[in-house]
Protein backbone atom coordinates (compact mmCIF):
# COMPACT_ATOMS: atom_id res chain seq x y z
CA MET A 1 0.00 0.00 0.00
CA ASN A 2 3.00 2.30 0.15
CA ILE A 3 2.62 3.22 -3.50
CA PHE A 4 -0.84 4.63 -2.77
CA LYS A 5 0.51 6.69 0.13
CA LYS A 6 3.18 8.08 -2.19
CA ILE A 7 0.52 8.98 -4.75
CA ALA A 8 -1.54 10.76 -2.09
CA GLU A 9 1.53 12.70 -0.95
CA LYS A 10 2.28 13.74 -4.53
CA ILE A 11 -1.28 15.01 -4.95
CA LYS A 12 -0.98 17.11 -1.79
CA ASN A 13 2.40 18.52 -2.83
CA PHE A 14 1.79 19.22 -6.53
CA GLY A 15 -1.92 19.87 -6.77
CA VAL A 16 -4.50 17.72 -8.46
CA GLY A 17 -3.78 18.64 -12.10
CA ALA A 18 -0.04 18.15 -11.84
CA ALA A 19 -0.53 14.93 -9.86
CA ILE A 20 -2.86 13.52 -12.53
CA ASN A 21 -0.31 14.29 -15.23
CA SER A 22 2.52 12.74 -13.21
CA LEU A 23 0.63 9.44 -12.82
CA ASP A 24 2.07 8.42 -16.19
CA ASN A 25 5.41 8.11 -14.37
CA PHE A 26 3.92 5.38 -12.17
CA GLU A 27 3.04 3.02 -15.03
CA ALA A 28 6.41 1.28 -15.29
CA PRO A 29 7.02 0.92 -11.51
CA LEU A 30 3.45 -0.29 -11.05
CA ALA A 31 3.87 -2.86 -13.82
CA ASP A 32 7.06 -4.11 -12.14
CA LEU A 33 5.31 -4.29 -8.77
CA ILE A 34 2.37 -6.19 -10.27
CA GLU A 35 4.73 -8.69 -11.93
CA GLU A 36 6.63 -9.19 -8.67
CA LYS A 37 3.45 -9.69 -6.64
CA LYS A 38 1.99 -11.99 -9.30
CA LYS A 39 5.02 -14.28 -9.03
CA GLU A 40 4.81 -14.20 -5.23
CA PHE A 41 1.05 -14.89 -5.29
CA ASN A 42 1.33 -17.74 -7.80
CA SER A 43 3.98 -19.44 -5.66
CA MET A 44 1.53 -19.67 -2.73
CA SER A 45 -0.86 -22.49 -1.95
CA SER A 46 -4.59 -21.78 -2.25
CA LYS A 47 -4.83 -21.45 1.52
CA GLU A 48 -1.95 -18.95 1.59
CA GLN A 49 -3.54 -17.03 -1.28
CA SER A 50 -6.85 -16.84 0.59
CA LYS A 51 -5.13 -15.59 3.73
CA TRP A 52 -3.12 -13.01 1.74
CA ILE A 53 -6.29 -11.70 0.04
CA MET A 54 -8.20 -11.49 3.33
CA ASP A 55 -5.29 -9.68 5.02
CA LYS A 56 -5.20 -7.12 2.21
CA VAL A 57 -8.98 -6.59 2.31
CA GLN A 58 -8.99 -6.25 6.09
CA ASN A 59 -6.12 -3.77 5.96
CA ALA A 60 -7.89 -1.72 3.30
CA LEU A 61 -11.09 -1.68 5.36
CA ARG A 62 -9.14 -0.60 8.45
CA ILE A 63 -7.64 2.28 6.48
CA TYR A 64 -11.03 3.21 4.99
CA ALA A 65 -12.73 3.11 8.41
CA ASN A 66 -9.71 4.78 10.07
CA ILE A 67 -9.29 1.88 12.52
CA LYS A 68 -5.83 1.31 13.94
C-alpha cells in the first residue's frame, strides 16, 4: 500500500492537475510491482492465497474506516 501513500503525498504537494499528469510516471514501476506480486502470489498455496487476500482486504477496510 505504500505506493498509494506516495501517490496521495504527490497530490498534496503538486496539486491535483499536476498529480494527474505525473501518474504516467507510475506506469512502469506499477507494472514491475504487479509482476513481482503476481510471481509471489502464484507461488503460494490456495490457503496462503486466501489468507493473503483477506489480510489485504482487512487492511484496506481498516484504512477506509480509520481503525488502527
